[in-house]
Amino acid sequence: VKPGSHSRCISTSVLRCSDTLSVHRDTVQNNPDTKFEFTAENMTRAEAIMSIYPDGHKKAAVIPLLDLAQRQHGWLPLTAMHEVARILDMPRMRVYEVATFYTMFMRSVILFFS
């Protein structure tokens, strides 16, 4: 490239594919009948988390509450997302959108082999 000439570099990157479904499929371990409710201790934590958000902005606590549910259960079942939606008085779909967007949320049972 000569000095003063203008050229564009075009670069491409490898398409990263994930084997994680972005939609929910009922399984034996994860379906609408899976039991989930926050423990009394975690419900107290959830209330403390929500208290730091101003009135009208409680829904911003969705990520910390999903994280709390995942820490309690070990992974994030569908019914935990339903419970977070109920507590925050927001549509379930909005909670699903957050849970499917962030890779930190494990929406299926994680098996460890030793």
N, C-alpha and C. Protein backbone atom coordinates (compact mmCIF):
# COMPACT_ATOMS: atom_id res chain seq x y z
N VAL A 1 0.85 -1.17 0.00
CA VAL A 1 0.00 0.00 0.00
C VAL A 1 0.90 1.23 0.00
N LYS A 2 0.62 2.13 -0.91
CA LYS A 2 1.41 3.35 -1.04
C LYS A 2 0.97 4.35 0.03
N PRO A 3 1.91 5.11 0.55
CA PRO A 3 1.53 6.14 1.51
C PRO A 3 0.53 7.11 0.88
N GLY A 4 -0.47 7.46 1.61
CA GLY A 4 -1.46 8.40 1.13
C GLY A 4 -2.61 7.73 0.40
N SER A 5 -2.45 6.46 0.02
CA SER A 5 -3.56 5.78 -0.64
C SER A 5 -4.50 5.23 0.44
N HIS A 6 -5.73 5.12 0.09
CA HIS A 6 -6.72 4.65 1.04
C HIS A 6 -7.19 3.27 0.62
N SER A 7 -7.04 2.34 1.49
CA SER A 7 -7.54 0.99 1.21
C SER A 7 -8.18 0.45 2.49
N ARG A 8 -9.06 -0.44 2.30
CA ARG A 8 -9.76 -1.03 3.45
C ARG A 8 -9.31 -2.46 3.62
N CYS A 9 -9.08 -2.81 4.83
CA CYS A 9 -8.78 -4.20 5.14
C CYS A 9 -10.09 -4.88 5.51
N ILE A 10 -10.32 -5.97 4.90
CA ILE A 10 -11.51 -6.74 5.22
C ILE A 10 -11.06 -8.00 5.95
N SER A 11 -11.58 -8.18 7.10
CA SER A 11 -11.21 -9.38 7.85
C SER A 11 -12.47 -10.16 8.19
N THR A 12 -12.29 -11.41 8.32
CA THR A 12 -13.41 -12.26 8.70
C THR A 12 -13.00 -13.06 9.92
N SER A 13 -13.96 -13.49 10.64
CA SER A 13 -13.68 -14.32 11.81
C SER A 13 -14.49 -15.60 11.69
N VAL A 14 -14.07 -16.56 12.42
CA VAL A 14 -14.74 -17.85 12.41
C VAL A 14 -16.08 -17.72 13.11
N LEU A 15 -17.11 -18.30 12.53
CA LEU A 15 -18.42 -18.31 13.16
C LEU A 15 -18.38 -19.23 14.36
N ARG A 16 -18.71 -18.71 15.49
CA ARG A 16 -18.71 -19.53 16.70
C ARG A 16 -20.10 -20.10 16.90
N CYS A 17 -20.15 -21.40 16.95
CA CYS A 17 -21.43 -22.07 17.14
C CYS A 17 -21.49 -22.66 18.54
N SER A 18 -22.65 -22.66 19.08
CA SER A 18 -22.85 -23.22 20.42
C SER A 18 -23.78 -24.40 20.31
N ASP A 19 -23.58 -25.38 21.19
CA ASP A 19 -24.48 -26.52 21.20
C ASP A 19 -25.61 -26.31 22.19
N THR A 20 -25.67 -25.11 22.78
CA THR A 20 -26.73 -24.78 23.73
C THR A 20 -27.95 -24.28 23.00
N LEU A 21 -29.09 -24.83 23.33
CA LEU A 21 -30.33 -24.37 22.72
C LEU A 21 -30.69 -23.00 23.26
N SER A 22 -31.20 -22.15 22.40
CA SER A 22 -31.65 -20.85 22.87
C SER A 22 -33.13 -20.89 23.23
N VAL A 23 -33.75 -22.04 23.04
CA VAL A 23 -35.15 -22.22 23.43
C VAL A 23 -35.22 -23.35 24.45
N HIS A 24 -36.25 -23.34 25.24
CA HIS A 24 -36.40 -24.37 26.27
C HIS A 24 -37.05 -25.61 25.70
N ARG A 25 -36.53 -26.76 26.08
CA ARG A 25 -37.13 -28.05 25.77
C ARG A 25 -37.32 -28.77 27.11
N ASP A 26 -38.55 -29.16 27.40
CA ASP A 26 -38.82 -29.87 28.65
C ASP A 26 -38.01 -31.16 28.73
N THR A 27 -37.44 -31.39 29.91
CA THR A 27 -36.76 -32.64 30.20
C THR A 27 -37.28 -33.15 31.53
N VAL A 28 -36.84 -34.33 31.91
CA VAL A 28 -37.27 -34.88 33.20
C VAL A 28 -36.84 -33.97 34.34
N GLN A 29 -35.62 -33.40 34.25
CA GLN A 29 -35.10 -32.54 35.32
C GLN A 29 -35.56 -31.09 35.22
N ASN A 30 -35.99 -30.66 34.05
CA ASN A 30 -36.30 -29.24 33.85
C ASN A 30 -37.60 -29.08 33.07
N ASN A 31 -38.67 -28.93 33.79
CA ASN A 31 -39.99 -28.76 33.18
C ASN A 31 -40.84 -27.92 34.12
N PRO A 32 -42.03 -27.53 33.72
CA PRO A 32 -42.86 -26.67 34.59
C PRO A 32 -43.23 -27.29 35.94
N ASP A 33 -43.04 -28.60 36.09
CA ASP A 33 -43.34 -29.25 37.37
C ASP A 33 -42.13 -29.34 38.30
N THR A 34 -40.95 -28.92 37.83
CA THR A 34 -39.75 -28.92 38.66
C THR A 34 -39.97 -27.96 39.83
N LYS A 35 -39.72 -28.43 41.02
CA LYS A 35 -39.95 -27.60 42.21
C LYS A 35 -38.82 -26.59 42.38
N PHE A 36 -39.19 -25.35 42.59
CA PHE A 36 -38.22 -24.32 42.94
C PHE A 36 -38.91 -23.22 43.71
N GLU A 37 -38.32 -22.88 44.83
CA GLU A 37 -38.67 -21.64 45.54
C GLU A 37 -37.44 -21.24 46.33
N PHE A 38 -37.28 -19.94 46.48
CA PHE A 38 -36.14 -19.45 47.24
C PHE A 38 -36.25 -19.90 48.69
N THR A 39 -35.11 -20.25 49.29
CA THR A 39 -35.10 -20.53 50.72
C THR A 39 -35.39 -19.22 51.45
N ALA A 40 -35.74 -19.32 52.72
CA ALA A 40 -36.02 -18.12 53.50
C ALA A 40 -34.80 -17.19 53.51
N GLU A 41 -33.62 -17.78 53.64
CA GLU A 41 -32.39 -16.99 53.67
C GLU A 41 -32.17 -16.29 52.32
N ASN A 42 -32.38 -17.01 51.22
CA ASN A 42 -32.18 -16.40 49.91
C ASN A 42 -33.29 -15.42 49.56
N MET A 43 -34.48 -15.62 50.10
CA MET A 43 -35.54 -14.64 49.88
C MET A 43 -35.18 -13.32 50.57
N THR A 44 -34.58 -13.43 51.74
CA THR A 44 -34.09 -12.23 52.44
C THR A 44 -33.01 -11.55 51.61
N ARG A 45 -32.12 -12.35 51.02
CA ARG A 45 -31.09 -11.78 50.14
C ARG A 45 -31.72 -11.11 48.92
N ALA A 46 -32.72 -11.76 48.34
CA ALA A 46 -33.39 -11.19 47.17
C ALA A 46 -34.03 -9.85 47.50
N GLU A 47 -34.66 -9.76 48.67
CA GLU A 47 -35.26 -8.49 49.09
C GLU A 47 -34.20 -7.43 49.29
N ALA A 48 -33.04 -7.82 49.85
CA ALA A 48 -31.94 -6.87 50.03
C ALA A 48 -31.41 -6.38 48.68
N ILE A 49 -31.30 -7.31 47.72
CA ILE A 49 -30.84 -6.94 46.38
C ILE A 49 -31.81 -5.96 45.75
N MET A 50 -33.11 -6.26 45.83
CA MET A 50 -34.11 -5.39 45.21
C MET A 50 -34.18 -4.02 45.89
N SER A 51 -33.82 -3.96 47.16
CA SER A 51 -33.91 -2.69 47.90
C SER A 51 -32.90 -1.66 47.42
N ILE A 52 -31.85 -2.07 46.74
CA ILE A 52 -30.85 -1.10 46.28
C ILE A 52 -31.28 -0.40 45.00
N TYR A 53 -32.34 -0.90 44.36
CA TYR A 53 -32.84 -0.28 43.13
C TYR A 53 -33.96 0.70 43.47
N PRO A 54 -34.00 1.85 42.83
CA PRO A 54 -35.05 2.82 43.13
C PRO A 54 -36.43 2.31 42.68
N ASP A 55 -37.46 2.89 43.26
CA ASP A 55 -38.83 2.53 42.88
C ASP A 55 -39.00 2.68 41.37
N GLY A 56 -39.68 1.73 40.78
CA GLY A 56 -39.89 1.76 39.34
C GLY A 56 -38.78 1.09 38.55
N HIS A 57 -37.70 0.69 39.22
CA HIS A 57 -36.56 0.09 38.53
C HIS A 57 -36.15 -1.24 39.16
N LYS A 58 -37.06 -1.88 39.87
CA LYS A 58 -36.78 -3.15 40.54
C LYS A 58 -36.44 -4.25 39.53
N LYS A 59 -36.98 -4.14 38.31
CA LYS A 59 -36.74 -5.16 37.29
C LYS A 59 -35.27 -5.26 36.90
N ALA A 60 -34.50 -4.24 37.21
CA ALA A 60 -33.07 -4.26 36.93
C ALA A 60 -32.35 -5.29 37.79
N ALA A 61 -33.02 -5.83 38.78
CA ALA A 61 -32.43 -6.85 39.66
C ALA A 61 -32.52 -8.25 39.05
N VAL A 62 -32.95 -8.36 37.81
CA VAL A 62 -33.16 -9.68 37.20
C VAL A 62 -31.87 -10.51 37.16
N ILE A 63 -30.75 -9.92 36.79
CA ILE A 63 -29.50 -10.69 36.71
C ILE A 63 -29.05 -11.16 38.09
N PRO A 64 -29.00 -10.28 39.10
CA PRO A 64 -28.60 -10.78 40.42
C PRO A 64 -29.56 -11.85 40.98
N LEU A 65 -30.85 -11.73 40.71
CA LEU A 65 -31.80 -12.73 41.22
C LEU A 65 -31.66 -14.05 40.47
N LEU A 66 -31.42 -14.01 39.17
CA LEU A 66 -31.17 -15.25 38.43
C LEU A 66 -29.89 -15.92 38.94
N ASP A 67 -28.87 -15.12 39.23
CA ASP A 67 -27.63 -15.66 39.77
C ASP A 67 -27.88 -16.29 41.14
N LEU A 68 -28.66 -15.64 41.97
CA LEU A 68 -28.98 -16.18 43.29
C LEU A 68 -29.72 -17.52 43.15
N ALA A 69 -30.67 -17.58 42.24
CA ALA A 69 -31.41 -18.83 42.01
C ALA A 69 -30.48 -19.93 41.53
N GLN A 70 -29.57 -19.59 40.62
CA GLN A 70 -28.63 -20.59 40.11
C GLN A 70 -27.70 -21.08 41.21
N ARG A 71 -27.23 -20.18 42.06
CA ARG A 71 -26.35 -20.58 43.17
C ARG A 71 -27.09 -21.49 44.14
N GLN A 72 -28.36 -21.23 44.36
CA GLN A 72 -29.14 -22.06 45.28
C GLN A 72 -29.37 -23.45 44.70
N HIS A 73 -29.70 -23.52 43.43
CA HIS A 73 -30.12 -24.79 42.81
C HIS A 73 -28.96 -25.53 42.13
N GLY A 74 -27.88 -24.83 41.83
CA GLY A 74 -26.75 -25.44 41.14
C GLY A 74 -26.79 -25.22 39.64
N TRP A 75 -27.93 -24.93 39.10
CA TRP A 75 -28.17 -24.57 37.71
C TRP A 75 -29.49 -23.83 37.69
N LEU A 76 -29.95 -23.34 36.54
CA LEU A 76 -31.12 -22.47 36.50
C LEU A 76 -32.31 -23.14 35.81
N PRO A 77 -33.18 -23.77 36.58
CA PRO A 77 -34.34 -24.42 35.97
C PRO A 77 -35.39 -23.40 35.51
N LEU A 78 -36.26 -23.86 34.66
CA LEU A 78 -37.34 -23.02 34.14
C LEU A 78 -38.17 -22.41 35.26
N THR A 79 -38.47 -23.21 36.26
CA THR A 79 -39.31 -22.71 37.36
C THR A 79 -38.60 -21.65 38.20
N ALA A 80 -37.28 -21.66 38.22
CA ALA A 80 -36.55 -20.58 38.91
C ALA A 80 -36.73 -19.27 38.14
N MET A 81 -36.71 -19.36 36.81
CA MET A 81 -36.95 -18.17 35.99
C MET A 81 -38.37 -17.66 36.21
N HIS A 82 -39.32 -18.58 36.33
CA HIS A 82 -40.71 -18.18 36.61
C HIS A 82 -40.81 -17.47 37.96
N GLU A 83 -40.09 -17.98 38.95
CA GLU A 83 -40.13 -17.37 40.29
C GLU A 83 -39.52 -15.97 40.27
N VAL A 84 -38.42 -15.80 39.56
CA VAL A 84 -37.80 -14.47 39.44
C VAL A 84 -38.76 -13.51 38.74
N ALA A 85 -39.42 -13.98 37.70
CA ALA A 85 -40.40 -13.13 36.99
C ALA A 85 -41.54 -12.74 37.92
N ARG A 86 -42.00 -13.69 38.73
CA ARG A 86 -43.10 -13.40 39.67
C ARG A 86 -42.67 -12.36 40.71
N ILE A 87 -41.49 -12.56 41.28
CA ILE A 87 -40.99 -11.65 42.32
C ILE A 87 -40.83 -10.23 41.77
N LEU A 88 -40.32 -10.12 40.55
CA LEU A 88 -40.06 -8.81 39.95
C LEU A 88 -41.25 -8.25 39.20
N ASP A 89 -42.34 -9.01 39.15
CA ASP A 89 -43.56 -8.60 38.45
C ASP A 89 -43.24 -8.19 37.01
N MET A 90 -42.58 -9.11 36.31
CA MET A 90 -42.24 -8.86 34.92
C MET A 90 -42.62 -10.08 34.08
N PRO A 91 -42.83 -9.90 32.79
CA PRO A 91 -43.19 -11.04 31.94
C PRO A 91 -42.10 -12.11 31.96
N ARG A 92 -42.52 -13.36 31.96
CA ARG A 92 -41.56 -14.47 31.95
C ARG A 92 -40.61 -14.37 30.76
N MET A 93 -41.14 -13.94 29.63
CA MET A 93 -40.32 -13.85 28.42
C MET A 93 -39.12 -12.93 28.62
N ARG A 94 -39.28 -11.85 29.35
CA ARG A 94 -38.17 -10.92 29.60
C ARG A 94 -37.07 -11.61 30.42
N VAL A 95 -37.49 -12.45 31.37
CA VAL A 95 -36.52 -13.19 32.17
C VAL A 95 -35.82 -14.23 31.29
N TYR A 96 -36.57 -14.92 30.43
CA TYR A 96 -35.96 -15.89 29.50
C TYR A 96 -34.94 -15.21 28.61
N GLU A 97 -35.27 -14.01 28.13
CA GLU A 97 -34.35 -13.29 27.26
C GLU A 97 -33.01 -13.04 27.95
N VAL A 98 -33.06 -12.65 29.20
CA VAL A 98 -31.83 -12.39 29.96
C VAL A 98 -31.07 -13.70 30.18
N ALA A 99 -31.78 -14.73 30.60
CA ALA A 99 -31.14 -16.01 30.92
C ALA A 99 -30.52 -16.66 29.69
N THR A 100 -31.12 -16.47 28.53
CA THR A 100 -30.56 -17.08 27.32
C THR A 100 -29.45 -16.23 26.71
N PHE A 101 -29.43 -14.94 27.01
CA PHE A 101 -28.41 -14.06 26.45
C PHE A 101 -27.06 -14.25 27.15
N TYR A 102 -27.07 -14.33 28.47
CA TYR A 102 -25.84 -14.39 29.24
C TYR A 102 -25.40 -15.84 29.43
N THR A 103 -24.17 -16.13 29.02
CA THR A 103 -23.65 -17.50 29.11
C THR A 103 -23.34 -17.93 30.54
N MET A 104 -23.39 -17.02 31.48
CA MET A 104 -23.13 -17.38 32.88
C MET A 104 -24.27 -18.22 33.47
N PHE A 105 -25.43 -18.22 32.81
CA PHE A 105 -26.57 -18.96 33.33
C PHE A 105 -26.62 -20.34 32.69
N MET A 106 -26.56 -21.36 33.54
CA MET A 106 -26.61 -22.75 33.10
C MET A 106 -28.05 -23.21 33.17
N ARG A 107 -28.70 -23.33 32.02
CA ARG A 107 -30.12 -23.64 31.98
C ARG A 107 -30.42 -25.13 31.86
N SER A 108 -29.40 -25.94 32.05
CA SER A 108 -29.61 -27.38 32.08
C SER A 108 -28.67 -27.98 33.12
N VAL A 109 -28.96 -29.20 33.50
CA VAL A 109 -28.17 -29.88 34.52
C VAL A 109 -26.75 -30.04 34.00
N ILE A 110 -25.79 -29.71 34.84
CA ILE A 110 -24.38 -29.85 34.49
C ILE A 110 -23.88 -31.11 35.18
N LEU A 111 -23.36 -32.04 34.39
CA LEU A 111 -22.83 -33.28 34.94
C LEU A 111 -21.32 -33.22 34.99
N PHE A 112 -20.75 -33.65 36.09
CA PHE A 112 -19.31 -33.69 36.26
C PHE A 112 -18.87 -35.14 36.36
N PHE A 113 -17.86 -35.47 35.62
CA PHE A 113 -17.32 -36.83 35.66
C PHE A 113 -15.90 -36.77 36.22
N SER A 114 -15.58 -37.75 37.04
CA SER A 114 -14.22 -37.77 37.59
C SER A 114 -13.51 -39.05 37.23
